[in-house]
Amino acid sequence: MTAITNDTTLFQTLGLSRELQRKSSDELQLEDFLDLMVTELTHQDPFKPMENSELASQISQFATVSGIDELNTRFSDLSGSLLSDQSLQAANLIGRSVLVPLGGGYLETGGSIDGVVGLNDPASDVTVSVYNAGGALVREIELGTQTKGEVRFSWDGTTDTGEYAPAGQYQVSVRASMNGEEFSPYVLTEAEVSSVSIGSGGQGLALNLKGLGPISFNDIAEIR
């Protein structure tokens, strides 16, 4: 059995260097691992020496764990960088309008609620229904027969009785018919971005919509 003179020789034999510095007192670095291995080899039973495969296995396992830790650190840094870049881009959205799948919108005094109805196939009797916060129907907008695609709609704030509805949140739903069967197409409403915020602990970017509250940046369907 070949004698081991010192741990530096082992480092050189393995093609490693001792330039790694200890990051903190409670972290096991590669240098610590090899020091432990040298001690193990020095005091092993000469009649039952460690097999080369066992030595290689231990080194491989430590390298794998160290690699995973390093990879996690790099991914964490990358995630933080991407979130920072995304925040800067989202800041440019303040004051602009976005289409969101909230099933409703905010009516300002003298304003309107606009949006689109999504049809995967041509449909007839397309109708947009607007409800107030109490669930009462205030207006129905007949869009008639429409082709496949997204169909724009706009509610000017007037009710079916001709009066102007008060400012506030309103729910919007859509129904349509295809081959004699009624179904509910998806609806996206337009909203203004008033500010941008980042969740605690970097949990994600949110856009705060005027009169509607926050929504995840990932849920934005279209920027206008």
Protein backbone atom coordinates (compact mmCIF):
# COMPACT_ATOMS: atom_id res chain seq x y z
CA MET A 1 0.00 0.00 0.00
CA THR A 2 1.39 3.42 -0.99
CA ALA A 3 2.12 5.66 1.97
CA ILE A 4 0.50 9.06 2.11
CA THR A 5 2.98 11.72 3.13
CA ASN A 6 0.63 14.66 3.49
CA ASP A 7 -2.73 15.99 2.38
CA THR A 8 -1.15 18.31 -0.20
CA THR A 9 0.15 15.30 -2.08
CA LEU A 10 -3.36 13.86 -2.19
CA PHE A 11 -4.74 17.15 -3.55
CA GLN A 12 -2.13 17.12 -6.32
CA THR A 13 -2.79 13.47 -7.10
CA LEU A 14 -6.49 14.19 -7.53
CA GLY A 15 -5.76 17.22 -9.71
CA LEU A 16 -7.17 19.61 -7.11
CA SER A 17 -5.77 22.70 -5.43
CA ARG A 18 -6.08 24.09 -1.93
CA GLU A 19 -6.96 27.58 -3.03
CA LEU A 20 -10.57 27.29 -1.82
CA GLN A 21 -11.25 29.50 1.16
CA ARG A 22 -13.65 28.71 3.98
CA LYS A 23 -16.87 30.67 3.52
CA SER A 24 -18.13 30.23 7.05
CA SER A 25 -17.40 28.18 10.12
CA ASP A 26 -20.49 26.01 9.71
CA GLU A 27 -20.01 25.04 6.04
CA LEU A 28 -18.09 21.97 4.91
CA GLN A 29 -15.82 22.93 2.02
CA LEU A 30 -13.89 20.68 -0.35
CA GLU A 31 -10.69 21.28 1.67
CA ASP A 32 -12.44 20.07 4.84
CA PHE A 33 -13.71 16.99 3.04
CA LEU A 34 -10.26 16.06 1.77
CA ASP A 35 -8.72 16.66 5.20
CA LEU A 36 -11.21 14.19 6.63
CA MET A 37 -10.45 11.74 3.87
CA VAL A 38 -6.69 11.99 4.52
CA THR A 39 -7.33 11.27 8.18
CA GLU A 40 -9.49 8.30 7.23
CA LEU A 41 -6.81 6.88 4.92
CA THR A 42 -4.05 7.46 7.49
CA HIS A 43 -5.88 5.53 10.22
CA GLN A 44 -7.48 2.82 8.15
CA ASP A 45 -6.88 -0.86 8.83
CA PRO A 46 -3.85 -1.84 6.68
CA PHE A 47 -5.32 -5.34 6.30
CA LYS A 48 -8.61 -3.92 5.03
CA PRO A 49 -7.65 -0.83 3.03
CA MET A 50 -10.24 1.31 1.31
CA GLU A 51 -11.02 0.17 -2.20
CA ASN A 52 -10.28 2.59 -5.05
CA SER A 53 -13.92 2.41 -6.10
CA GLU A 54 -15.06 3.39 -2.62
CA LEU A 55 -12.70 6.36 -2.58
CA ALA A 56 -13.90 7.47 -6.01
CA SER A 57 -17.52 7.06 -4.89
CA GLN A 58 -17.03 9.33 -1.86
CA ILE A 59 -15.36 12.01 -3.97
CA SER A 60 -18.12 11.76 -6.57
CA GLN A 61 -20.87 12.07 -3.95
CA PHE A 62 -19.29 15.16 -2.40
CA ALA A 63 -18.75 16.73 -5.80
CA THR A 64 -22.39 16.08 -6.70
CA VAL A 65 -23.69 17.72 -3.52
CA SER A 66 -21.33 20.68 -3.94
CA GLY A 67 -22.40 21.03 -7.57
CA ILE A 68 -26.08 21.06 -6.63
CA ASP A 69 -25.50 23.73 -3.98
CA GLU A 70 -23.59 25.84 -6.47
CA LEU A 71 -26.30 25.36 -9.09
CA ASN A 72 -29.02 26.39 -6.63
CA THR A 73 -27.05 29.52 -5.76
CA ARG A 74 -26.63 30.43 -9.41
CA PHE A 75 -30.33 29.82 -10.13
CA SER A 76 -31.25 32.01 -7.16
CA ASP A 77 -29.01 34.79 -8.45
CA LEU A 78 -30.47 34.42 -11.95
CA SER A 79 -34.03 34.52 -10.60
CA GLY A 80 -33.28 37.72 -8.70
CA SER A 81 -31.73 39.29 -11.77
CA LEU A 82 -34.69 38.36 -13.98
CA LEU A 83 -37.15 39.71 -11.41
CA SER A 84 -35.23 42.98 -11.23
CA ASP A 85 -35.25 43.32 -15.03
CA GLN A 86 -38.93 42.44 -15.13
CA SER A 87 -39.67 45.10 -12.50
CA LEU A 88 -37.95 47.77 -14.59
CA GLN A 89 -39.92 46.74 -17.66
CA ALA A 90 -43.19 46.62 -15.73
CA ALA A 91 -42.58 50.13 -14.37
CA ASN A 92 -42.97 51.36 -17.94
CA LEU A 93 -46.54 50.03 -17.90
CA ILE A 94 -47.75 52.55 -15.33
CA GLY A 95 -50.50 54.61 -16.93
CA ARG A 96 -50.98 52.14 -19.78
CA SER A 97 -53.90 49.76 -20.35
CA VAL A 98 -53.80 45.96 -20.20
CA LEU A 99 -56.29 43.20 -20.97
CA VAL A 100 -56.94 40.97 -17.97
CA PRO A 101 -59.10 37.89 -17.29
CA LEU A 102 -60.86 39.34 -14.24
CA GLY A 103 -64.44 38.94 -15.48
CA GLY A 104 -65.14 42.60 -14.83
CA GLY A 105 -63.85 46.13 -14.87
CA TYR A 106 -63.85 49.49 -13.16
CA LEU A 107 -66.16 52.24 -14.41
CA GLU A 108 -64.96 55.80 -13.85
CA THR A 109 -67.33 58.74 -13.89
CA GLY A 110 -67.84 59.61 -17.54
CA GLY A 111 -65.75 56.61 -18.62
CA SER A 112 -66.45 53.17 -20.07
CA ILE A 113 -65.57 49.51 -19.62
CA ASP A 114 -63.96 47.99 -22.70
CA GLY A 115 -62.82 44.49 -23.53
CA VAL A 116 -62.87 41.56 -25.92
CA VAL A 117 -64.90 38.38 -26.25
CA GLY A 118 -62.95 35.32 -27.39
CA LEU A 119 -64.62 32.96 -29.84
CA ASN A 120 -62.89 29.74 -30.87
CA ASP A 121 -65.53 29.25 -33.59
CA PRO A 122 -68.18 31.41 -35.29
CA ALA A 123 -71.14 32.02 -32.98
CA SER A 124 -74.52 33.71 -32.99
CA ASP A 125 -76.51 35.64 -30.39
CA VAL A 126 -73.35 36.92 -28.71
CA THR A 127 -74.48 38.97 -25.72
CA VAL A 128 -72.44 40.88 -23.13
CA SER A 129 -74.13 41.26 -19.73
CA VAL A 130 -73.00 43.82 -17.14
CA TYR A 131 -73.83 43.43 -13.44
CA ASN A 132 -73.31 45.80 -10.51
CA ALA A 133 -71.62 44.89 -7.22
CA GLY A 134 -74.94 43.60 -5.87
CA GLY A 135 -75.35 41.17 -8.78
CA ALA A 136 -78.17 43.10 -10.47
CA LEU A 137 -78.19 43.25 -14.28
CA VAL A 138 -77.67 46.85 -15.43
CA ARG A 139 -77.03 46.48 -19.15
CA GLU A 140 -77.03 43.94 -21.99
CA ILE A 141 -75.10 44.58 -25.18
CA GLU A 142 -76.12 42.57 -28.22
CA LEU A 143 -73.22 41.74 -30.53
CA GLY A 144 -75.22 39.40 -32.77
CA THR A 145 -73.45 36.88 -35.02
CA GLN A 146 -69.65 36.99 -34.95
CA THR A 147 -66.83 35.16 -36.70
CA LYS A 148 -64.02 33.26 -35.02
CA GLY A 149 -61.55 35.41 -33.06
CA GLU A 150 -61.67 38.21 -30.49
CA VAL A 151 -64.58 40.61 -30.72
CA ARG A 152 -64.32 44.04 -29.12
CA PHE A 153 -67.08 45.48 -26.95
CA SER A 154 -67.55 48.70 -25.02
CA TRP A 155 -70.02 49.69 -22.31
CA ASP A 156 -70.45 53.46 -22.05
CA GLY A 157 -71.84 53.28 -18.51
CA THR A 158 -75.51 53.76 -19.37
CA THR A 159 -78.03 51.29 -18.01
CA ASP A 160 -80.89 49.64 -19.89
CA THR A 161 -83.14 52.44 -18.55
CA GLY A 162 -80.91 55.10 -20.11
CA GLU A 163 -79.44 56.37 -16.82
CA TYR A 164 -75.71 56.60 -16.18
CA ALA A 165 -74.43 54.02 -13.69
CA PRO A 166 -72.36 55.18 -10.70
CA ALA A 167 -68.60 54.71 -10.71
CA GLY A 168 -67.34 51.43 -9.31
CA GLN A 169 -66.61 47.80 -10.09
CA TYR A 170 -68.88 45.87 -12.45
CA GLN A 171 -68.91 42.22 -13.47
CA VAL A 172 -69.03 41.24 -17.12
CA SER A 173 -70.17 37.90 -18.54
CA VAL A 174 -70.83 36.71 -22.07
CA ARG A 175 -73.11 34.11 -23.59
CA ALA A 176 -73.36 32.93 -27.19
CA SER A 177 -74.89 30.15 -29.28
CA MET A 178 -73.30 27.65 -31.64
CA ASN A 179 -75.30 24.98 -33.46
CA GLY A 180 -78.28 25.74 -31.24
CA GLU A 181 -76.34 25.26 -27.99
CA GLU A 182 -75.51 28.10 -25.60
CA PHE A 183 -72.00 28.48 -24.21
CA SER A 184 -69.88 31.07 -22.39
CA PRO A 185 -66.90 32.48 -24.34
CA TYR A 186 -63.96 33.89 -22.42
CA VAL A 187 -63.89 37.62 -21.77
CA LEU A 188 -60.98 39.99 -21.18
CA THR A 189 -61.51 43.49 -19.84
CA GLU A 190 -59.31 46.55 -20.14
CA ALA A 191 -57.77 48.13 -17.06
CA GLU A 192 -55.26 50.88 -16.32
CA VAL A 193 -52.01 50.08 -14.49
CA SER A 194 -51.60 52.45 -11.53
CA SER A 195 -48.46 50.97 -9.92
CA VAL A 196 -46.15 47.94 -9.75
CA SER A 197 -45.17 45.94 -6.67
CA ILE A 198 -42.98 42.96 -5.79
CA GLY A 199 -44.27 40.36 -3.36
CA SER A 200 -42.47 39.77 -0.05
CA GLY A 201 -39.50 37.44 -0.38
CA GLY A 202 -39.42 38.00 -4.14
CA GLN A 203 -42.64 36.01 -4.57
CA GLY A 204 -43.47 37.62 -7.88
CA LEU A 205 -44.31 40.79 -9.68
CA ALA A 206 -47.80 42.28 -9.47
CA LEU A 207 -49.53 45.08 -11.35
CA ASN A 208 -51.95 47.18 -9.33
CA LEU A 209 -54.93 48.02 -11.53
CA LYS A 210 -56.93 51.19 -11.02
CA GLY A 211 -60.08 50.39 -9.07
CA LEU A 212 -59.50 46.63 -9.28
CA GLY A 213 -56.46 45.84 -7.15
CA PRO A 214 -53.40 43.67 -7.86
CA ILE A 215 -52.98 40.98 -10.48
CA SER A 216 -49.98 38.80 -11.25
CA PHE A 217 -47.82 40.06 -14.11
CA ASN A 218 -48.02 36.55 -15.60
CA ASP A 219 -51.83 36.82 -15.87
CA ILE A 220 -51.74 39.81 -18.21
CA ALA A 221 -53.18 38.76 -21.57
CA GLU A 222 -52.26 41.85 -23.61
CA ILE A 223 -50.55 45.20 -23.17
CA ARG A 224 -52.05 48.15 -25.01
